[in-house]
């Protein structure tokens, strides 16, 4: 009888724990993705006049630039293609009647960041979106066979850019005692699998970096980690679907959470998907990833040969 009592106690504790987790998760979904649709959003204009967006000529970065401009921010666009930057800047100015500034910079470099600091030093930057990122690309290869320079480019672009841009922009934010920095991570940081060791590790670094940063200048600088799943962009090369929103739809959802939550997957489906992943054994995820990446590469080769 005593053992049954202990067994019942354990069952009650487990049920209470998972009930609490479920209620918390439902509350987060409502707070992050339902209430913003009814106007319960943060007034981002309180942070300042300018927003800086890295990797701002395509995909998620471009949409952050457009939607922040729509909210009245002047936009600093940073990317490596001058032609694309000019085109995006012209679109923003004509559509939203705000100022723009372009900075040509290749984030696979680790020198020259001082130039960016000098360009934005005198601007009232309220928001920084650390969006720029890249993957290894090409045929899936084991780490011992990788091209080391391409691997370094991933690290420079995904890690160095976030660290350096955060430092330079925070200098002004701390002086003004206000600012929001949005760090774009990836759901790959939550997954262990083949052919993504460096990319997913760089995204894990960003999350750890920000988790530590939030204890510096608390109440002065706000940090948000955004952890997308699949979004239909040039980098992901996936089609728009129920689980893979367009960049526009994704950013509309994610930006609605800015200033409200510190960590978000940005889109309700990605939030649910991440929660479900925690129940799947890692080796099954890794096997699925390996099969998916090899099949994706084979399909790309077929398209090129046709």
Foldseek 3Di string as FASTA:
>chain_A
DVVVVVVVVVVVVVVVVVVVVVVVLVVCCCLQFPVLVVVPFDLLCVLWAAEEFEPCLWFLNVLVQQVVLQSRHEYEYEEQDPVSQVVSQVVSCVPRVHHYHYDHDQQLDLPDLVVVLVVCVPGSHAEYELDWAAALDDAQDFPVPGDVSSLSSRLSGLASSVVSVCVSVVVNQVVVQHHEYEYEAELLLVADAGSCVSRSVSSVVVVVVVVVCCPPSPSRYAYAYAYEYAECIPRNVDDDDPRHHHSNVQNVSQNRCGPPDRYYPSDSSRSVVSVVVVVDDRVVVRVVVVVVSNVVNVVVVVVVVD
